[in-house]
N, C-alpha and C. Protein backbone atom coordinates (compact mmCIF):
# COMPACT_ATOMS: atom_id res chain seq x y z
N UNK A 1 27.66 -23.37 -73.85
CA UNK A 1 28.73 -23.16 -72.92
C UNK A 1 29.90 -24.03 -73.30
N UNK A 2 31.05 -23.51 -73.08
CA UNK A 2 32.21 -24.34 -73.37
C UNK A 2 32.31 -25.50 -72.40
N UNK A 3 32.86 -26.57 -72.90
CA UNK A 3 32.95 -27.78 -72.09
C UNK A 3 33.88 -27.60 -70.90
N UNK A 4 34.92 -26.79 -71.03
CA UNK A 4 35.87 -26.57 -69.93
C UNK A 4 35.19 -25.85 -68.76
N UNK A 5 34.24 -24.95 -69.06
CA UNK A 5 33.53 -24.23 -68.01
C UNK A 5 32.69 -25.18 -67.16
N UNK A 6 31.92 -26.04 -67.81
CA UNK A 6 31.07 -26.97 -67.06
C UNK A 6 31.93 -27.96 -66.28
N UNK A 7 33.07 -28.36 -66.84
CA UNK A 7 33.94 -29.28 -66.13
C UNK A 7 34.53 -28.59 -64.89
N UNK A 8 34.90 -27.32 -65.02
CA UNK A 8 35.43 -26.56 -63.88
C UNK A 8 34.39 -26.40 -62.79
N UNK A 9 33.12 -26.19 -63.17
CA UNK A 9 32.03 -26.04 -62.21
C UNK A 9 31.81 -27.33 -61.45
N UNK A 10 31.88 -28.46 -62.14
CA UNK A 10 31.71 -29.76 -61.48
C UNK A 10 32.85 -30.00 -60.51
N UNK A 11 34.08 -29.65 -60.91
CA UNK A 11 35.21 -29.82 -60.00
C UNK A 11 35.07 -28.93 -58.76
N UNK A 12 34.59 -27.72 -58.96
CA UNK A 12 34.42 -26.80 -57.83
C UNK A 12 33.37 -27.33 -56.87
N UNK A 13 32.31 -27.92 -57.39
CA UNK A 13 31.26 -28.45 -56.52
C UNK A 13 31.77 -29.65 -55.73
N UNK A 14 32.64 -30.47 -56.34
CA UNK A 14 33.15 -31.65 -55.65
C UNK A 14 34.12 -31.25 -54.53
N UNK A 15 34.90 -30.18 -54.73
CA UNK A 15 35.91 -29.81 -53.75
C UNK A 15 35.39 -28.85 -52.70
N UNK A 16 34.19 -28.28 -52.87
CA UNK A 16 33.65 -27.35 -51.88
C UNK A 16 33.19 -28.13 -50.64
N UNK A 17 33.21 -27.49 -49.48
CA UNK A 17 32.77 -28.18 -48.26
C UNK A 17 31.30 -28.56 -48.35
N UNK A 18 30.92 -29.50 -47.52
CA UNK A 18 29.54 -29.97 -47.51
C UNK A 18 28.62 -28.81 -47.13
N UNK A 19 27.43 -28.76 -47.70
CA UNK A 19 26.52 -27.66 -47.38
C UNK A 19 26.10 -27.71 -45.90
N UNK A 20 25.91 -26.53 -45.32
CA UNK A 20 25.51 -26.41 -43.92
C UNK A 20 24.07 -26.87 -43.79
N UNK A 21 23.83 -27.67 -42.78
CA UNK A 21 22.45 -28.14 -42.59
C UNK A 21 21.56 -26.98 -42.16
N UNK A 22 20.30 -27.12 -42.41
CA UNK A 22 19.34 -26.07 -42.09
C UNK A 22 19.28 -25.82 -40.59
N UNK A 23 19.36 -26.86 -39.79
CA UNK A 23 19.32 -26.73 -38.33
C UNK A 23 20.52 -25.95 -37.81
N UNK A 24 21.70 -26.24 -38.36
CA UNK A 24 22.90 -25.51 -37.95
C UNK A 24 22.80 -24.04 -38.35
N UNK A 25 22.23 -23.79 -39.52
CA UNK A 25 22.04 -22.41 -39.97
C UNK A 25 21.10 -21.66 -39.03
N UNK A 26 20.01 -22.32 -38.64
CA UNK A 26 19.05 -21.68 -37.72
C UNK A 26 19.69 -21.39 -36.37
N UNK A 27 20.50 -22.33 -35.87
CA UNK A 27 21.19 -22.11 -34.60
C UNK A 27 22.12 -20.90 -34.69
N UNK A 28 22.88 -20.83 -35.77
CA UNK A 28 23.81 -19.72 -35.94
C UNK A 28 23.06 -18.39 -36.03
N UNK A 29 21.95 -18.39 -36.72
CA UNK A 29 21.14 -17.19 -36.85
C UNK A 29 20.58 -16.77 -35.50
N UNK A 30 20.13 -17.72 -34.70
CA UNK A 30 19.59 -17.44 -33.38
C UNK A 30 20.66 -16.86 -32.46
N UNK A 31 21.85 -17.45 -32.48
CA UNK A 31 22.95 -16.96 -31.66
C UNK A 31 23.34 -15.54 -32.07
N UNK A 32 23.37 -15.28 -33.37
CA UNK A 32 23.70 -13.95 -33.87
C UNK A 32 22.65 -12.93 -33.41
N UNK A 33 21.37 -13.32 -33.46
CA UNK A 33 20.30 -12.41 -33.02
C UNK A 33 20.41 -12.13 -31.53
N UNK A 34 20.71 -13.16 -30.72
CA UNK A 34 20.88 -12.95 -29.28
C UNK A 34 22.05 -12.01 -28.99
N UNK A 35 23.15 -12.19 -29.71
CA UNK A 35 24.31 -11.31 -29.52
C UNK A 35 23.96 -9.86 -29.86
N UNK A 36 23.24 -9.67 -30.95
CA UNK A 36 22.84 -8.31 -31.33
C UNK A 36 21.93 -7.69 -30.28
N UNK A 37 20.97 -8.46 -29.77
CA UNK A 37 20.06 -7.94 -28.74
C UNK A 37 20.84 -7.58 -27.49
N UNK A 38 21.81 -8.41 -27.11
CA UNK A 38 22.63 -8.14 -25.93
C UNK A 38 23.43 -6.87 -26.10
N UNK A 39 24.03 -6.69 -27.26
CA UNK A 39 24.84 -5.50 -27.50
C UNK A 39 23.99 -4.24 -27.57
N UNK A 40 22.83 -4.34 -28.20
CA UNK A 40 21.97 -3.17 -28.33
C UNK A 40 21.27 -2.79 -27.04
N UNK A 41 21.14 -3.73 -26.11
CA UNK A 41 20.47 -3.40 -24.86
C UNK A 41 21.28 -2.41 -24.04
N UNK A 42 22.58 -2.34 -24.25
CA UNK A 42 23.41 -1.38 -23.56
C UNK A 42 23.17 0.04 -24.04
N UNK A 43 22.52 0.20 -25.17
CA UNK A 43 22.26 1.52 -25.72
C UNK A 43 20.95 2.11 -25.22
N UNK A 44 20.21 1.36 -24.45
CA UNK A 44 18.92 1.86 -23.97
C UNK A 44 19.13 3.00 -22.99
N UNK A 45 18.24 3.97 -23.05
CA UNK A 45 18.33 5.09 -22.12
C UNK A 45 17.18 5.03 -21.13
N UNK A 46 17.36 5.68 -20.01
CA UNK A 46 16.33 5.70 -18.98
C UNK A 46 15.46 6.93 -19.18
N UNK A 47 14.19 6.73 -19.33
CA UNK A 47 13.25 7.82 -19.46
C UNK A 47 12.74 8.19 -18.07
N UNK A 48 13.04 9.38 -17.56
CA UNK A 48 12.63 9.72 -16.20
C UNK A 48 11.12 9.84 -16.05
N UNK A 49 10.39 9.88 -17.14
CA UNK A 49 8.94 10.00 -17.06
C UNK A 49 8.23 8.66 -17.19
N UNK A 50 9.01 7.58 -17.29
CA UNK A 50 8.39 6.26 -17.42
C UNK A 50 7.74 5.90 -16.09
N UNK A 51 6.58 5.22 -16.12
CA UNK A 51 5.85 4.93 -14.89
C UNK A 51 6.56 3.96 -13.97
N UNK A 52 7.48 3.14 -14.46
CA UNK A 52 8.13 2.15 -13.62
C UNK A 52 9.34 2.70 -12.85
N UNK A 53 9.83 3.89 -13.22
CA UNK A 53 11.02 4.43 -12.60
C UNK A 53 10.63 5.47 -11.57
N UNK A 54 10.79 5.14 -10.30
CA UNK A 54 10.52 6.09 -9.24
C UNK A 54 11.56 5.91 -8.17
N UNK A 55 12.01 7.03 -7.63
CA UNK A 55 12.98 7.01 -6.55
C UNK A 55 12.33 7.57 -5.30
N UNK A 56 12.72 7.02 -4.15
CA UNK A 56 12.13 7.46 -2.89
C UNK A 56 13.22 7.79 -1.91
N UNK A 57 12.96 8.78 -1.08
CA UNK A 57 13.87 9.19 -0.03
C UNK A 57 13.97 8.06 0.99
N UNK A 58 15.18 7.76 1.45
CA UNK A 58 15.35 6.67 2.41
C UNK A 58 14.78 7.03 3.78
N UNK A 59 14.68 8.32 4.08
CA UNK A 59 14.10 8.75 5.36
C UNK A 59 12.58 8.83 5.18
N UNK A 60 11.81 8.05 5.96
CA UNK A 60 10.36 8.04 5.78
C UNK A 60 9.69 9.31 6.31
N UNK A 61 8.53 9.63 5.75
CA UNK A 61 7.72 10.76 6.21
C UNK A 61 7.12 10.43 7.57
N UNK A 62 6.60 9.21 7.69
CA UNK A 62 6.02 8.77 8.96
C UNK A 62 6.20 7.27 9.10
N UNK A 63 6.15 6.80 10.34
CA UNK A 63 6.32 5.37 10.64
C UNK A 63 5.19 4.93 11.56
N UNK A 64 4.68 3.73 11.28
CA UNK A 64 3.59 3.17 12.07
C UNK A 64 3.90 1.70 12.36
N UNK A 65 3.68 1.26 13.57
CA UNK A 65 3.87 -0.13 13.95
C UNK A 65 2.52 -0.76 14.23
N UNK A 66 2.35 -2.02 13.85
CA UNK A 66 1.10 -2.72 14.11
C UNK A 66 1.09 -4.06 13.43
N UNK A 67 -0.10 -4.63 13.31
CA UNK A 67 -0.25 -5.94 12.68
C UNK A 67 -0.77 -5.77 11.25
N UNK A 68 -0.30 -6.67 10.41
CA UNK A 68 -0.73 -6.68 9.01
C UNK A 68 -1.24 -8.06 8.65
N UNK A 69 -2.22 -8.08 7.76
CA UNK A 69 -2.74 -9.33 7.21
C UNK A 69 -2.66 -9.20 5.69
N UNK A 70 -3.13 -10.22 4.99
CA UNK A 70 -3.16 -10.13 3.53
C UNK A 70 -4.51 -10.64 3.05
N UNK A 71 -4.85 -10.21 1.84
CA UNK A 71 -6.13 -10.64 1.27
C UNK A 71 -5.98 -10.99 -0.20
N UNK A 72 -6.80 -11.89 -0.64
CA UNK A 72 -6.81 -12.38 -2.01
C UNK A 72 -8.09 -13.15 -2.23
N UNK A 73 -7.99 -14.30 -2.87
CA UNK A 73 -9.16 -15.17 -3.04
C UNK A 73 -10.34 -14.49 -3.67
N UNK A 74 -11.40 -14.35 -2.93
CA UNK A 74 -12.65 -13.81 -3.49
C UNK A 74 -12.56 -12.33 -3.84
N UNK A 75 -11.51 -11.63 -3.38
CA UNK A 75 -11.37 -10.21 -3.67
C UNK A 75 -10.72 -9.95 -5.03
N UNK A 76 -10.10 -10.98 -5.60
CA UNK A 76 -9.41 -10.80 -6.87
C UNK A 76 -10.42 -10.42 -7.97
N UNK A 77 -10.10 -9.34 -8.67
CA UNK A 77 -10.96 -8.86 -9.75
C UNK A 77 -12.00 -7.84 -9.31
N UNK A 78 -12.27 -7.73 -8.02
CA UNK A 78 -13.24 -6.74 -7.54
C UNK A 78 -12.62 -5.35 -7.53
N UNK A 79 -13.49 -4.35 -7.50
CA UNK A 79 -13.01 -2.98 -7.48
C UNK A 79 -12.48 -2.62 -6.10
N UNK A 80 -11.36 -1.91 -6.09
CA UNK A 80 -10.82 -1.40 -4.83
C UNK A 80 -11.44 -0.03 -4.57
N UNK A 81 -11.11 0.55 -3.44
CA UNK A 81 -11.71 1.84 -3.06
C UNK A 81 -11.31 2.98 -3.99
N UNK A 82 -10.17 2.87 -4.67
CA UNK A 82 -9.79 3.94 -5.59
C UNK A 82 -10.29 3.70 -7.02
N UNK A 83 -11.03 2.62 -7.24
CA UNK A 83 -11.67 2.38 -8.53
C UNK A 83 -10.94 1.42 -9.45
N UNK A 84 -9.78 0.92 -9.08
CA UNK A 84 -9.09 -0.05 -9.93
C UNK A 84 -9.45 -1.45 -9.48
N UNK A 85 -9.21 -2.42 -10.35
CA UNK A 85 -9.49 -3.81 -10.02
C UNK A 85 -8.35 -4.37 -9.19
N UNK A 86 -8.70 -5.13 -8.15
CA UNK A 86 -7.69 -5.76 -7.30
C UNK A 86 -7.05 -6.91 -8.06
N UNK A 87 -5.73 -6.89 -8.13
CA UNK A 87 -4.97 -7.97 -8.74
C UNK A 87 -4.00 -8.49 -7.70
N UNK A 88 -4.01 -9.77 -7.48
CA UNK A 88 -3.15 -10.37 -6.47
C UNK A 88 -1.68 -10.28 -6.85
N UNK A 89 -1.39 -9.99 -8.12
CA UNK A 89 -0.01 -9.93 -8.59
C UNK A 89 0.62 -8.55 -8.41
N UNK A 90 -0.13 -7.56 -7.97
CA UNK A 90 0.41 -6.22 -7.74
C UNK A 90 0.83 -6.07 -6.29
N UNK A 91 1.86 -5.30 -6.06
CA UNK A 91 2.30 -5.01 -4.68
C UNK A 91 1.50 -3.80 -4.18
N UNK A 92 0.32 -4.09 -3.68
CA UNK A 92 -0.57 -3.04 -3.18
C UNK A 92 -1.01 -3.38 -1.77
N UNK A 93 -1.69 -2.42 -1.15
CA UNK A 93 -2.15 -2.63 0.21
C UNK A 93 -3.36 -1.75 0.49
N UNK A 94 -4.06 -2.10 1.56
CA UNK A 94 -5.19 -1.31 2.05
C UNK A 94 -4.79 -0.67 3.37
N UNK A 95 -5.14 0.61 3.53
CA UNK A 95 -4.89 1.34 4.77
C UNK A 95 -6.11 2.19 5.04
N UNK A 96 -6.39 2.44 6.32
CA UNK A 96 -7.61 3.18 6.68
C UNK A 96 -7.56 4.65 6.31
N UNK A 97 -6.40 5.32 6.46
CA UNK A 97 -6.36 6.77 6.32
C UNK A 97 -5.38 7.31 5.28
N UNK A 98 -4.35 6.59 4.93
CA UNK A 98 -3.34 7.12 4.00
C UNK A 98 -3.96 7.45 2.65
N UNK A 99 -3.50 8.51 2.00
CA UNK A 99 -4.03 8.85 0.67
C UNK A 99 -3.71 7.74 -0.34
N UNK A 100 -4.60 7.60 -1.32
CA UNK A 100 -4.37 6.62 -2.38
C UNK A 100 -3.07 6.96 -3.10
N UNK A 101 -2.40 5.93 -3.58
CA UNK A 101 -1.12 5.99 -4.29
C UNK A 101 0.05 6.39 -3.39
N UNK A 102 -0.17 6.42 -2.07
CA UNK A 102 0.97 6.59 -1.16
C UNK A 102 1.84 5.34 -1.26
N UNK A 103 3.14 5.54 -1.14
CA UNK A 103 4.07 4.42 -1.23
C UNK A 103 4.59 4.13 0.17
N UNK A 104 4.48 2.85 0.58
CA UNK A 104 4.81 2.45 1.94
C UNK A 104 5.78 1.28 1.89
N UNK A 105 6.85 1.38 2.69
CA UNK A 105 7.76 0.25 2.86
C UNK A 105 7.29 -0.52 4.08
N UNK A 106 6.91 -1.77 3.87
CA UNK A 106 6.41 -2.63 4.95
C UNK A 106 7.49 -3.63 5.30
N UNK A 107 7.88 -3.66 6.58
CA UNK A 107 8.92 -4.57 7.06
C UNK A 107 8.32 -5.56 8.04
N UNK A 108 8.50 -6.85 7.77
CA UNK A 108 8.08 -7.91 8.69
C UNK A 108 9.06 -7.90 9.85
N UNK A 109 8.58 -7.61 11.06
CA UNK A 109 9.47 -7.51 12.21
C UNK A 109 9.98 -8.86 12.68
N UNK A 110 9.36 -9.93 12.24
CA UNK A 110 9.79 -11.27 12.63
C UNK A 110 11.06 -11.69 11.90
N UNK A 111 11.16 -11.35 10.59
CA UNK A 111 12.32 -11.79 9.81
C UNK A 111 13.11 -10.66 9.16
N UNK A 112 12.66 -9.42 9.26
CA UNK A 112 13.38 -8.28 8.71
C UNK A 112 13.19 -8.05 7.23
N UNK A 113 12.41 -8.87 6.54
CA UNK A 113 12.19 -8.69 5.10
C UNK A 113 11.20 -7.55 4.88
N UNK A 114 11.43 -6.82 3.77
CA UNK A 114 10.55 -5.68 3.50
C UNK A 114 10.11 -5.67 2.04
N UNK A 115 9.03 -4.95 1.80
CA UNK A 115 8.47 -4.81 0.47
C UNK A 115 7.89 -3.40 0.36
N UNK A 116 7.91 -2.84 -0.84
CA UNK A 116 7.31 -1.53 -1.07
C UNK A 116 5.97 -1.74 -1.75
N UNK A 117 4.93 -1.15 -1.15
CA UNK A 117 3.57 -1.31 -1.67
C UNK A 117 2.96 0.07 -1.95
N UNK A 118 1.93 0.06 -2.77
CA UNK A 118 1.17 1.27 -3.07
C UNK A 118 -0.21 1.12 -2.46
N UNK A 119 -0.69 2.16 -1.79
CA UNK A 119 -2.02 2.11 -1.17
C UNK A 119 -3.07 2.35 -2.24
N UNK A 120 -3.99 1.38 -2.40
CA UNK A 120 -5.06 1.53 -3.40
C UNK A 120 -6.42 1.12 -2.86
N UNK A 121 -6.49 0.82 -1.54
CA UNK A 121 -7.76 0.34 -0.98
C UNK A 121 -7.89 0.82 0.45
N UNK A 122 -9.07 0.68 1.01
CA UNK A 122 -9.33 1.03 2.40
C UNK A 122 -9.48 -0.24 3.22
N UNK A 123 -9.10 -0.15 4.46
CA UNK A 123 -9.16 -1.28 5.37
C UNK A 123 -7.85 -1.35 6.11
N UNK A 124 -7.57 -2.33 6.84
CA UNK A 124 -8.40 -3.49 7.19
C UNK A 124 -9.43 -3.10 8.25
N UNK A 125 -10.48 -3.86 8.31
CA UNK A 125 -11.55 -3.55 9.24
C UNK A 125 -11.53 -4.44 10.47
N UNK A 126 -10.56 -5.34 10.56
CA UNK A 126 -10.39 -6.16 11.76
C UNK A 126 -9.66 -5.32 12.81
N UNK A 127 -10.07 -5.41 14.03
CA UNK A 127 -9.50 -4.61 15.12
C UNK A 127 -8.02 -4.94 15.32
N UNK A 128 -7.20 -3.91 15.49
CA UNK A 128 -5.79 -4.06 15.77
C UNK A 128 -4.89 -4.20 14.56
N UNK A 129 -5.42 -4.16 13.36
CA UNK A 129 -4.59 -4.28 12.14
C UNK A 129 -4.45 -2.92 11.47
N UNK A 130 -3.25 -2.69 10.91
CA UNK A 130 -3.02 -1.40 10.24
C UNK A 130 -2.97 -1.54 8.73
N UNK A 131 -2.65 -2.72 8.21
CA UNK A 131 -2.52 -2.92 6.76
C UNK A 131 -3.09 -4.26 6.33
N UNK A 132 -3.65 -4.29 5.13
CA UNK A 132 -3.99 -5.52 4.42
C UNK A 132 -3.14 -5.53 3.15
N UNK A 133 -2.27 -6.50 3.01
CA UNK A 133 -1.37 -6.57 1.86
C UNK A 133 -1.93 -7.46 0.76
N UNK A 134 -1.51 -7.23 -0.47
CA UNK A 134 -1.84 -8.14 -1.55
C UNK A 134 -1.07 -9.44 -1.36
N UNK A 135 -1.46 -10.47 -2.07
CA UNK A 135 -0.83 -11.79 -1.93
C UNK A 135 0.65 -11.74 -2.27
N UNK A 136 1.01 -11.06 -3.35
CA UNK A 136 2.42 -10.98 -3.76
C UNK A 136 3.25 -10.26 -2.71
N UNK A 137 2.74 -9.16 -2.19
CA UNK A 137 3.46 -8.42 -1.15
C UNK A 137 3.65 -9.28 0.09
N UNK A 138 2.62 -10.04 0.45
CA UNK A 138 2.72 -10.92 1.62
C UNK A 138 3.76 -12.01 1.39
N UNK A 139 3.84 -12.55 0.18
CA UNK A 139 4.85 -13.57 -0.12
C UNK A 139 6.26 -13.01 -0.02
N UNK A 140 6.43 -11.77 -0.46
CA UNK A 140 7.77 -11.18 -0.46
C UNK A 140 8.33 -10.98 0.94
N UNK A 141 7.46 -10.83 1.92
CA UNK A 141 7.97 -10.68 3.29
C UNK A 141 7.72 -11.95 4.11
N UNK A 142 7.41 -13.03 3.44
CA UNK A 142 7.23 -14.36 4.07
C UNK A 142 6.23 -14.35 5.22
N UNK A 143 5.02 -13.87 4.94
CA UNK A 143 4.01 -13.88 5.99
C UNK A 143 2.82 -14.77 5.64
N UNK A 144 2.89 -15.48 4.54
CA UNK A 144 1.77 -16.32 4.11
C UNK A 144 1.47 -17.40 5.15
N UNK A 145 2.47 -18.04 5.68
CA UNK A 145 2.26 -19.10 6.66
C UNK A 145 1.67 -18.58 7.97
N UNK A 146 2.09 -17.38 8.37
CA UNK A 146 1.62 -16.82 9.63
C UNK A 146 0.23 -16.18 9.50
N UNK A 147 -0.04 -15.56 8.38
CA UNK A 147 -1.34 -14.91 8.19
C UNK A 147 -1.37 -13.50 8.71
N UNK A 148 -1.03 -13.31 9.96
CA UNK A 148 -0.98 -11.98 10.59
C UNK A 148 0.38 -11.84 11.24
N UNK A 149 1.08 -10.74 10.93
CA UNK A 149 2.41 -10.51 11.51
C UNK A 149 2.53 -9.06 11.97
N UNK A 150 3.47 -8.83 12.88
CA UNK A 150 3.78 -7.46 13.31
C UNK A 150 4.69 -6.85 12.25
N UNK A 151 4.34 -5.61 11.87
CA UNK A 151 5.09 -4.93 10.82
C UNK A 151 5.41 -3.50 11.21
N UNK A 152 6.38 -2.95 10.48
CA UNK A 152 6.67 -1.53 10.54
C UNK A 152 6.31 -0.97 9.17
N UNK A 153 5.44 0.04 9.13
CA UNK A 153 5.01 0.65 7.87
C UNK A 153 5.59 2.06 7.80
N UNK A 154 6.44 2.30 6.79
CA UNK A 154 7.07 3.60 6.62
C UNK A 154 6.58 4.24 5.32
N UNK A 155 5.96 5.42 5.44
CA UNK A 155 5.48 6.14 4.27
C UNK A 155 6.68 6.84 3.65
N UNK A 156 6.92 6.56 2.36
CA UNK A 156 8.09 7.10 1.67
C UNK A 156 7.72 8.33 0.84
N UNK A 157 8.66 9.26 0.76
CA UNK A 157 8.48 10.47 -0.02
C UNK A 157 9.18 10.30 -1.36
N UNK A 158 8.46 10.52 -2.47
CA UNK A 158 9.12 10.39 -3.77
C UNK A 158 10.13 11.51 -3.99
N UNK A 159 11.22 11.18 -4.67
CA UNK A 159 12.23 12.17 -5.03
C UNK A 159 11.92 12.60 -6.45
N UNK A 160 11.85 13.90 -6.66
CA UNK A 160 11.55 14.42 -7.99
C UNK A 160 12.77 14.23 -8.88
N UNK A 161 12.55 13.66 -10.05
CA UNK A 161 13.63 13.43 -11.00
C UNK A 161 13.72 14.65 -11.91
N UNK A 162 14.90 15.23 -11.96
CA UNK A 162 15.10 16.41 -12.81
C UNK A 162 15.36 15.94 -14.23
N UNK A 163 14.46 16.30 -15.12
CA UNK A 163 14.61 15.86 -16.50
C UNK A 163 15.29 16.92 -17.36
N UNK A 164 15.30 18.16 -16.89
CA UNK A 164 15.96 19.24 -17.62
C UNK A 164 16.96 19.91 -16.69
N UNK A 165 18.12 20.27 -17.21
CA UNK A 165 19.10 20.94 -16.34
C UNK A 165 18.61 22.31 -15.93
N UNK A 166 19.10 22.80 -14.78
CA UNK A 166 18.67 24.11 -14.32
C UNK A 166 19.53 25.23 -14.90
N UNK A 167 20.56 24.88 -15.65
CA UNK A 167 21.40 25.86 -16.34
C UNK A 167 21.50 25.50 -17.80
N UNK A 168 21.61 26.53 -18.59
CA UNK A 168 21.82 26.31 -20.02
C UNK A 168 23.27 26.57 -20.34
N UNK A 169 23.89 25.67 -21.07
CA UNK A 169 25.27 25.88 -21.49
C UNK A 169 25.27 26.73 -22.74
N UNK A 170 26.14 27.72 -22.75
CA UNK A 170 26.23 28.58 -23.93
C UNK A 170 27.53 28.26 -24.66
N UNK A 171 27.49 28.41 -25.93
CA UNK A 171 28.67 28.16 -26.74
C UNK A 171 29.64 29.31 -26.62
N UNK A 172 30.91 28.98 -26.50
CA UNK A 172 31.95 29.99 -26.45
C UNK A 172 32.43 30.24 -27.87
N UNK A 173 32.41 31.51 -28.32
CA UNK A 173 32.83 31.76 -29.71
C UNK A 173 34.30 31.58 -29.94
């Protein structure tokens, strides 16, 4: 190699900025990845057939007033009446007569807080009670301290989501 080339390379190395530290590089890479995830999340579409997306009519099918309790503890992990395992983290409830998978809005009449639960069990068997709520559902309406509260239970009707239009658009020649 010519001597002038190596001398030029040494001069360029001396005048170039200090190399970026590895930690700073990792931070910049992390920030860039977060920005990309944020921007791409706006492109997500809603799948009407996804199990988490359900809409319900605000007017209930039926309304029932009574006392509700909650259950957990030794029941966690046991089979419910519909065959699934009871999980305290699910917003579910037990009712004596409602069909399984009915969706009910339960409102604590003491404080006005409400929660939507799915019926997956039978009960309660204590006299004067209409619902047994899961632990999470009971927390959401602030009834843990009271144990038994007066509630309003409204059975909700699901709204069918139209996934295909009822008309076909035709191209105009």
